PDB file of N, CA and C in Angstrom:
ATOM      1  N   MET A   1     144.807 -35.771  38.411  1.00  0.00           N
ATOM      2  CA  MET A   1     145.698 -36.766  39.026  1.00  0.00           C
ATOM      3  C   MET A   1     145.221 -36.970  40.480  1.00  0.00           C
ATOM      4  N   ASN A   2     144.949 -38.203  40.846  1.00  0.00           N
ATOM      5  CA  ASN A   2     144.628 -38.507  42.141  1.00  0.00           C
ATOM      6  C   ASN A   2     145.804 -38.583  43.091  1.00  0.00           C
ATOM      7  N   ILE A   3     145.641 -38.612  44.380  1.00  0.00           N
ATOM      8  CA  ILE A   3     146.698 -38.603  45.253  1.00  0.00           C
ATOM      9  C   ILE A   3     147.678 -39.776  45.212  1.00  0.00           C
ATOM     10  N   VAL A   4     147.184 -40.934  44.812  1.00  0.00           N
ATOM     11  CA  VAL A   4     148.015 -42.179  44.730  1.00  0.00           C
ATOM     12  C   VAL A   4     149.003 -41.977  43.533  1.00  0.00           C
ATOM     13  N   GLU A   5     148.521 -41.470  42.506  1.00  0.00           N
ATOM     14  CA  GLU A   5     149.384 -41.246  41.238  1.00  0.00           C
ATOM     15  C   GLU A   5     150.470 -40.132  41.567  1.00  0.00           C
ATOM     16  N   ALA A   6     150.002 -39.059  42.357  1.00  0.00           N
ATOM     17  CA  ALA A   6     150.898 -38.123  42.854  1.00  0.00           C
ATOM     18  C   ALA A   6     152.131 -38.697  43.635  1.00  0.00           C
ATOM     19  N   LEU A   7     151.712 -39.516  44.533  1.00  0.00           N
ATOM     20  CA  LEU A   7     152.738 -40.134  45.496  1.00  0.00           C
ATOM     21  C   LEU A   7     153.621 -41.039  44.744  1.00  0.00           C
ATOM     22  N   ARG A   8     153.058 -41.825  43.716  1.00  0.00           N
ATOM     23  CA  ARG A   8     153.927 -42.677  42.982  1.00  0.00           C
ATOM     24  C   ARG A   8     154.945 -41.877  42.144  1.00  0.00           C
ATOM     25  N   SER A   9     154.510 -40.841  41.563  1.00  0.00           N
ATOM     26  CA  SER A   9     155.403 -39.941  40.759  1.00  0.00           C
ATOM     27  C   SER A   9     156.499 -39.297  41.639  1.00  0.00           C
ATOM     28  N   GLU A  10     156.045 -38.920  42.773  1.00  0.00           N
ATOM     29  CA  GLU A  10     157.042 -38.381  43.786  1.00  0.00           C
ATOM     30  C   GLU A  10     158.042 -39.388  44.260  1.00  0.00           C
ATOM     31  N   GLU A  11     157.608 -40.661  44.335  1.00  0.00           N
ATOM     32  CA  GLU A  11     158.477 -41.775  44.783  1.00  0.00           C
ATOM     33  C   GLU A  11     159.604 -41.987  43.681  1.00  0.00           C
ATOM     34  N   VAL A  12     159.127 -42.006  42.389  1.00  0.00           N
ATOM     35  CA  VAL A  12     159.989 -42.160  41.367  1.00  0.00           C
ATOM     36  C   VAL A  12     161.036 -41.106  41.245  1.00  0.00           C
ATOM     37  N   LYS A  13     160.530 -39.864  41.536  1.00  0.00           N
ATOM     38  CA  LYS A  13     161.526 -38.639  41.547  1.00  0.00           C
ATOM     39  C   LYS A  13     162.559 -38.777  42.600  1.00  0.00           C
ATOM     40  N   LEU A  14     162.080 -39.256  43.794  1.00  0.00           N
ATOM     41  CA  LEU A  14     162.974 -39.388  44.984  1.00  0.00           C
ATOM     42  C   LEU A  14     163.946 -40.624  44.762  1.00  0.00           C
ATOM     43  N   GLN A  15     163.533 -41.663  44.099  1.00  0.00           N
ATOM     44  CA  GLN A  15     164.424 -42.734  43.839  1.00  0.00           C
ATOM     45  C   GLN A  15     165.523 -42.274  42.871  1.00  0.00           C
ATOM     46  N   ARG A  16     165.156 -41.505  41.817  1.00  0.00           N
ATOM     47  CA  ARG A  16     166.274 -41.016  40.874  1.00  0.00           C
ATOM     48  C   ARG A  16     167.245 -40.123  41.759  1.00  0.00           C
ATOM     49  N   GLN A  17     166.781 -39.238  42.584  1.00  0.00           N
ATOM     50  CA  GLN A  17     167.685 -38.486  43.366  1.00  0.00           C
ATOM     51  C   GLN A  17     168.525 -39.256  44.168  1.00  0.00           C
ATOM     52  N   LEU A  18     168.010 -40.282  44.897  1.00  0.00           N
ATOM     53  CA  LEU A  18     168.684 -41.160  45.704  1.00  0.00           C
ATOM     54  C   LEU A  18     169.870 -41.903  44.907  1.00  0.00           C
ATOM     55  N   THR A  19     169.599 -42.391  43.662  1.00  0.00           N
ATOM     56  CA  THR A  19     170.505 -43.017  42.899  1.00  0.00           C
ATOM     57  C   THR A  19     171.650 -42.005  42.429  1.00  0.00           C
ATOM     58  N   ALA A  20     171.244 -40.784  42.210  1.00  0.00           N
ATOM     59  CA  ALA A  20     172.380 -39.898  41.818  1.00  0.00           C
ATOM     60  C   ALA A  20     173.128 -39.559  43.042  1.00  0.00           C
ATOM     61  N   VAL A  21     172.649 -39.511  44.244  1.00  0.00           N
ATOM     62  CA  VAL A  21     173.455 -39.268  45.385  1.00  0.00           C
ATOM     63  C   VAL A  21     174.379 -40.467  45.651  1.00  0.00           C
ATOM     64  N   LYS A  22     173.925 -41.574  45.608  1.00  0.00           N
ATOM     65  CA  LYS A  22     174.649 -42.882  45.723  1.00  0.00           C
ATOM     66  C   LYS A  22     175.797 -42.828  44.741  1.00  0.00           C
ATOM     67  N   ASN A  23     175.569 -42.562  43.442  1.00  0.00           N
ATOM     68  CA  ASN A  23     176.630 -42.453  42.510  1.00  0.00           C
ATOM     69  C   ASN A  23     177.657 -41.493  42.809  1.00  0.00           C
ATOM     70  N   ALA A  24     177.210 -40.293  43.423  1.00  0.00           N
ATOM     71  CA  ALA A  24     178.177 -39.215  43.659  1.00  0.00           C
ATOM     72  C   ALA A  24     179.022 -39.754  44.831  1.00  0.00           C
ATOM     73  N   ILE A  25     178.349 -40.331  45.879  1.00  0.00           N
ATOM     74  CA  ILE A  25     179.240 -40.866  47.062  1.00  0.00           C
ATOM     75  C   ILE A  25     180.259 -41.889  46.583  1.00  0.00           C
ATOM     76  N   ALA A  26     179.773 -42.858  45.675  1.00  0.00           N
ATOM     77  CA  ALA A  26     180.644 -43.884  45.203  1.00  0.00           C
ATOM     78  C   ALA A  26     181.906 -43.284  44.384  1.00  0.00           C
ATOM     79  N   ALA A  27     181.472 -42.219  43.654  1.00  0.00           N
ATOM     80  CA  ALA A  27     182.602 -41.589  42.990  1.00  0.00           C
ATOM     81  C   ALA A  27     183.611 -40.979  43.899  1.00  0.00           C
ATOM     82  N   LEU A  28     183.123 -40.348  45.001  1.00  0.00           N
ATOM     83  CA  LEU A  28     184.062 -39.636  45.936  1.00  0.00           C
ATOM     84  C   LEU A  28     184.901 -40.662  46.581  1.00  0.00           C
ATOM     85  N   ASN A  29     184.241 -41.786  46.951  1.00  0.00           N
ATOM     86  CA  ASN A  29     184.932 -42.788  47.751  1.00  0.00           C
ATOM     87  C   ASN A  29     185.923 -43.645  46.793  1.00  0.00           C
ATOM     88  N   GLY A  30     186.086 -43.315  45.572  1.00  0.00           N
ATOM     89  CA  GLY A  30     186.925 -44.027  44.624  1.00  0.00           C
ATOM     90  C   GLY A  30     186.319 -45.327  44.115  1.00  0.00           C
ATOM     91  N   GLY A  31     185.094 -45.490  44.359  1.00  0.00           N
ATOM     92  CA  GLY A  31     184.393 -46.637  43.966  1.00  0.00           C
ATOM     93  C   GLY A  31     184.117 -46.759  42.412  1.00  0.00           C
ATOM     94  N   SER A  32     183.260 -47.497  42.048  1.00  0.00           N
ATOM     95  CA  SER A  32     182.901 -47.727  40.602  1.00  0.00           C
ATOM     96  C   SER A  32     182.007 -46.419  40.174  1.00  0.00           C
ATOM     97  N   THR A  33     182.385 -45.994  38.983  1.00  0.00           N
ATOM     98  CA  THR A  33     181.650 -44.885  38.486  1.00  0.00           C
ATOM     99  C   THR A  33     180.360 -45.326  37.666  1.00  0.00           C
ATOM    100  N   ALA A  34     180.202 -46.610  37.557  1.00  0.00           N
ATOM    101  CA  ALA A  34     178.968 -47.131  36.921  1.00  0.00           C
ATOM    102  C   ALA A  34     177.740 -46.730  37.602  1.00  0.00           C
ATOM    103  N   ALA A  35     176.724 -46.683  36.962  1.00  0.00           N
ATOM    104  CA  ALA A  35     175.408 -46.343  37.560  1.00  0.00           C
ATOM    105  C   ALA A  35     175.000 -47.338  38.627  1.00  0.00           C
ATOM    106  N   VAL A  36     174.567 -46.885  39.783  1.00  0.00           N
ATOM    107  CA  VAL A  36     174.171 -47.767  40.967  1.00  0.00           C
ATOM    108  C   VAL A  36     172.543 -47.975  40.755  1.00  0.00           C
ATOM    109  N   SER A  37     172.130 -49.002  40.589  1.00  0.00           N
ATOM    110  CA  SER A  37     170.739 -49.357  40.570  1.00  0.00           C
ATOM    111  C   SER A  37     170.153 -49.266  42.045  1.00  0.00           C
ATOM    112  N   PRO A  38     169.061 -48.659  42.240  1.00  0.00           N
ATOM    113  CA  PRO A  38     168.471 -48.482  43.628  1.00  0.00           C
ATOM    114  C   PRO A  38     168.292 -49.889  44.291  1.00  0.00           C
ATOM    115  N   ARG A  39     168.037 -50.926  43.504  1.00  0.00           N
ATOM    116  CA  ARG A  39     167.739 -52.161  44.133  1.00  0.00           C
ATOM    117  C   ARG A  39     168.914 -52.980  44.208  1.00  0.00           C
ATOM    118  N   HIS A  40     170.024 -52.699  43.588  1.00  0.00           N
ATOM    119  CA  HIS A  40     171.245 -53.566  43.539  1.00  0.00           C
ATOM    120  C   HIS A  40     172.445 -52.653  43.867  1.00  0.00           C
ATOM    121  N   ALA A  41     172.374 -52.048  44.905  1.00  0.00           N
ATOM    122  CA  ALA A  41     173.496 -51.126  45.404  1.00  0.00           C
ATOM    123  C   ALA A  41     174.631 -51.995  45.832  1.00  0.00           C
ATOM    124  N   THR A  42     175.855 -51.491  45.657  1.00  0.00           N
ATOM    125  CA  THR A  42     177.097 -52.132  46.170  1.00  0.00           C
ATOM    126  C   THR A  42     177.484 -51.711  47.533  1.00  0.00           C
ATOM    127  N   SER A  43     178.430 -52.350  48.069  1.00  0.00           N
ATOM    128  CA  SER A  43     178.851 -51.834  49.442  1.00  0.00           C
ATOM    129  C   SER A  43     179.398 -50.466  49.320  1.00  0.00           C
ATOM    130  N   PRO A  44     179.571 -49.785  50.498  1.00  0.00           N
ATOM    131  CA  PRO A  44     180.243 -48.471  50.484  1.00  0.00           C
ATOM    132  C   PRO A  44     181.532 -48.293  49.849  1.00  0.00           C
ATOM    133  N   ASN A  45     182.411 -49.338  49.840  1.00  0.00           N
ATOM    134  CA  ASN A  45     183.707 -49.258  49.204  1.00  0.00           C
ATOM    135  C   ASN A  45     183.752 -49.544  47.727  1.00  0.00           C
ATOM    136  N   GLY A  46     182.576 -49.835  47.236  1.00  0.00           N
ATOM    137  CA  GLY A  46     182.442 -50.135  45.752  1.00  0.00           C
ATOM    138  C   GLY A  46     182.678 -51.594  45.456  1.00  0.00           C
ATOM    139  N   ALA A  47     183.052 -52.343  46.355  1.00  0.00           N
ATOM    140  CA  ALA A  47     183.211 -53.785  46.055  1.00  0.00           C
ATOM    141  C   ALA A  47     182.030 -54.519  45.927  1.00  0.00           C
ATOM    142  N   GLY A  48     181.897 -55.387  44.997  1.00  0.00           N
ATOM    143  CA  GLY A  48     180.731 -56.074  44.770  1.00  0.00           C
ATOM    144  C   GLY A  48     180.982 -57.357  43.929  1.00  0.00           C
ATOM    145  N   GLY A  49     180.027 -58.160  43.642  1.00  0.00           N
ATOM    146  CA  GLY A  49     180.263 -59.312  42.822  1.00  0.00           C
ATOM    147  C   GLY A  49     180.364 -60.509  43.641  1.00  0.00           C
ATOM    148  N   LYS A  50     180.741 -61.626  42.920  1.00  0.00           N
ATOM    149  CA  LYS A  50     180.873 -62.906  43.605  1.00  0.00           C
ATOM    150  C   LYS A  50     182.158 -62.996  44.329  1.00  0.00           C
ATOM    151  N   ARG A  51     182.006 -63.637  45.496  1.00  0.00           N
ATOM    152  CA  ARG A  51     183.264 -63.941  46.318  1.00  0.00           C
ATOM    153  C   ARG A  51     183.697 -65.307  45.958  1.00  0.00           C
ATOM    154  N   THR A  52     184.968 -65.548  46.156  1.00  0.00           N
ATOM    155  CA  THR A  52     185.577 -66.812  45.912  1.00  0.00           C
ATOM    156  C   THR A  52     186.130 -67.399  47.208  1.00  0.00           C
ATOM    157  N   LEU A  53     186.272 -68.583  47.136  1.00  0.00           N
ATOM    158  CA  LEU A  53     186.815 -69.384  48.423  1.00  0.00           C
ATOM    159  C   LEU A  53     188.064 -70.158  47.971  1.00  0.00           C
ATOM    160  N   SER A  54     189.041 -70.101  48.729  1.00  0.00           N
ATOM    161  CA  SER A  54     190.249 -70.727  48.472  1.00  0.00           C
ATOM    162  C   SER A  54     190.120 -72.295  48.668  1.00  0.00           C
ATOM    163  N   ALA A  55     190.898 -73.096  48.071  1.00  0.00           N
ATOM    164  CA  ALA A  55     190.811 -74.525  48.213  1.00  0.00           C
ATOM    165  C   ALA A  55     191.047 -74.888  49.721  1.00  0.00           C
ATOM    166  N   GLU A  56     191.879 -74.245  50.357  1.00  0.00           N
ATOM    167  CA  GLU A  56     192.138 -74.540  51.749  1.00  0.00           C
ATOM    168  C   GLU A  56     190.843 -74.198  52.565  1.00  0.00           C
ATOM    169  N   GLY A  57     190.231 -73.078  52.375  1.00  0.00           N
ATOM    170  CA  GLY A  57     189.091 -72.829  53.085  1.00  0.00           C
ATOM    171  C   GLY A  57     187.918 -73.798  52.770  1.00  0.00           C
ATOM    172  N   ARG A  58     187.819 -74.086  51.536  1.00  0.00           N
ATOM    173  CA  ARG A  58     186.813 -75.125  51.220  1.00  0.00           C
ATOM    174  C   ARG A  58     186.974 -76.455  51.848  1.00  0.00           C
ATOM    175  N   ALA A  59     188.334 -76.892  51.946  1.00  0.00           N
ATOM    176  CA  ALA A  59     188.672 -78.187  52.657  1.00  0.00           C
ATOM    177  C   ALA A  59     188.378 -78.037  54.069  1.00  0.00           C
ATOM    178  N   ASN A  60     188.686 -76.930  54.697  1.00  0.00           N
ATOM    179  CA  ASN A  60     188.230 -76.730  56.187  1.00  0.00           C
ATOM    180  C   ASN A  60     186.758 -76.899  56.329  1.00  0.00           C
ATOM    181  N   ILE A  61     185.910 -76.293  55.551  1.00  0.00           N
ATOM    182  CA  ILE A  61     184.534 -76.385  55.663  1.00  0.00           C
ATOM    183  C   ILE A  61     184.088 -77.778  55.453  1.00  0.00           C
ATOM    184  N   ILE A  62     184.621 -78.517  54.523  1.00  0.00           N
ATOM    185  CA  ILE A  62     184.188 -79.923  54.288  1.00  0.00           C
ATOM    186  C   ILE A  62     184.674 -80.807  55.585  1.00  0.00           C
ATOM    187  N   ARG A  63     185.853 -80.527  55.934  1.00  0.00           N
ATOM    188  CA  ARG A  63     186.301 -81.303  57.087  1.00  0.00           C
ATOM    189  C   ARG A  63     185.448 -81.073  58.371  1.00  0.00           C
ATOM    190  N   ALA A  64     185.059 -79.846  58.629  1.00  0.00           N
ATOM    191  CA  ALA A  64     184.120 -79.476  59.813  1.00  0.00           C
ATOM    192  C   ALA A  64     182.769 -80.129  59.692  1.00  0.00           C
ATOM    193  N   ALA A  65     182.221 -80.143  58.426  1.00  0.00           N
ATOM    194  CA  ALA A  65     180.908 -80.757  58.085  1.00  0.00           C
ATOM    195  C   ALA A  65     180.992 -82.174  58.321  1.00  0.00           C
ATOM    196  N   LYS A  66     182.019 -82.869  57.839  1.00  0.00           N
ATOM    197  CA  LYS A  66     182.194 -84.371  58.081  1.00  0.00           C
ATOM    198  C   LYS A  66     182.319 -84.662  59.565  1.00  0.00           C
ATOM    199  N   ALA A  67     183.016 -83.773  60.279  1.00  0.00           N
ATOM    200  CA  ALA A  67     183.153 -84.090  61.743  1.00  0.00           C
ATOM    201  C   ALA A  67     181.730 -83.926  62.419  1.00  0.00           C
ATOM    202  N   ARG A  68     181.050 -82.905  62.001  1.00  0.00           N
ATOM    203  CA  ARG A  68     179.724 -82.689  62.652  1.00  0.00           C
ATOM    204  C   ARG A  68     178.770 -83.861  62.351  1.00  0.00           C
ATOM    205  N   TRP A  69     178.783 -84.345  61.147  1.00  0.00           N
ATOM    206  CA  TRP A  69     177.902 -85.426  60.750  1.00  0.00           C
ATOM    207  C   TRP A  69     178.429 -86.732  61.510  1.00  0.00           C
ATOM    208  N   ALA A  70     179.700 -86.930  61.629  1.00  0.00           N
ATOM    209  CA  ALA A  70     180.211 -88.148  62.347  1.00  0.00           C
ATOM    210  C   ALA A  70     179.718 -88.119  63.770  1.00  0.00           C
ATOM    211  N   LYS A  71     179.819 -86.932  64.442  1.00  0.00           N
ATOM    212  CA  LYS A  71     179.367 -86.743  65.771  1.00  0.00           C
ATOM    213  C   LYS A  71     177.870 -87.072  65.944  1.00  0.00           C
ATOM    214  N   ILE A  72     177.093 -86.583  64.944  1.00  0.00           N
ATOM    215  CA  ILE A  72     175.594 -86.962  64.923  1.00  0.00           C
ATOM    216  C   ILE A  72     175.368 -88.473  64.782  1.00  0.00           C
ATOM    217  N   ARG A  73     176.093 -89.052  63.867  1.00  0.00           N
ATOM    218  CA  ARG A  73     175.981 -90.565  63.718  1.00  0.00           C
ATOM    219  C   ARG A  73     176.377 -91.267  64.982  1.00  0.00           C
ATOM    220  N   ALA A  74     177.440 -90.880  65.495  1.00  0.00           N
ATOM    221  CA  ALA A  74     177.915 -91.525  66.762  1.00  0.00           C
ATOM    222  C   ALA A  74     176.874 -91.402  67.896  1.00  0.00           C
ATOM    223  N   GLU A  75     176.282 -90.263  68.035  1.00  0.00           N
ATOM    224  CA  GLU A  75     175.295 -90.048  68.997  1.00  0.00           C
ATOM    225  C   GLU A  75     174.057 -90.923  68.731  1.00  0.00           C
ATOM    226  N   LYS A  76     173.612 -91.095  67.477  1.00  0.00           N
ATOM    227  CA  LYS A  76     172.560 -91.885  67.124  1.00  0.00           C
ATOM    228  C   LYS A  76     172.794 -93.337  67.383  1.00  0.00           C
ATOM    229  N   ALA A  77     173.937 -93.866  67.083  1.00  0.00           N
ATOM    230  CA  ALA A  77     174.458 -95.152  67.254  1.00  0.00           C
ATOM    231  C   ALA A  77     174.490 -95.522  68.742  1.00  0.00           C
ATOM    232  N   LYS A  78     174.967 -94.531  69.526  1.00  0.00           N
ATOM    233  CA  LYS A  78     175.111 -94.721  71.011  1.00  0.00           C
ATOM    234  C   LYS A  78     173.588 -94.805  71.602  1.00  0.00           C
ATOM    235  N   GLY A  79     172.688 -94.007  71.158  1.00  0.00           N
ATOM    236  CA  GLY A  79     171.311 -94.120  71.587  1.00  0.00           C
ATOM    237  C   GLY A  79     170.633 -95.345  71.245  1.00  0.00           C
ATOM    238  N   LYS A  80     170.930 -96.019  70.092  1.00  0.00           N
ATOM    239  CA  LYS A  80     170.290 -97.316  69.681  1.00  0.00           C
ATOM    240  C   LYS A  80     170.823 -98.395  70.582  1.00  0.00           C
ATOM    241  N   LYS A  81     172.092 -98.393  70.921  1.00  0.00           N
ATOM    242  CA  LYS A  81     172.771 -99.418  71.750  1.00  0.00           C
ATOM    243  C   LYS A  81     172.239 -99.368  73.245  1.00  0.00           C
ATOM    244  N   SER A  82     171.996 -98.219  73.730  1.00  0.00           N
ATOM    245  CA  SER A  82     171.485 -98.124  75.127  1.00  0.00           C
ATOM    246  C   SER A  82     170.046 -98.523  75.333  1.00  0.00           C
ATOM    247  N   LYS A  83     169.246 -98.625  74.301  1.00  0.00           N
ATOM    248  CA  LYS A  83     167.869 -98.940  74.412  1.00  0.00           C
ATOM    249  C   LYS A  83     167.558-100.313  74.456  1.00  0.00           C
TER     250      LYS A  83
END
């Protein structure tokens, strides 16, 4: 076995150990007891998944975006008139 193969096998072993430690920590914190993938770990409190936005929050974002674009359009129109 060459050194690269040895390093790769050691990396796999360490990744497994890391996953086991993360699962143990999640269990101690009262988080999910499901297996934690090394590449898709959740936050420390176990919360994960898609976040939702309330209708009011979405309306605020839309209102702010429209105000920004109105300001940009007004500045453009103002620039054309002064030229």
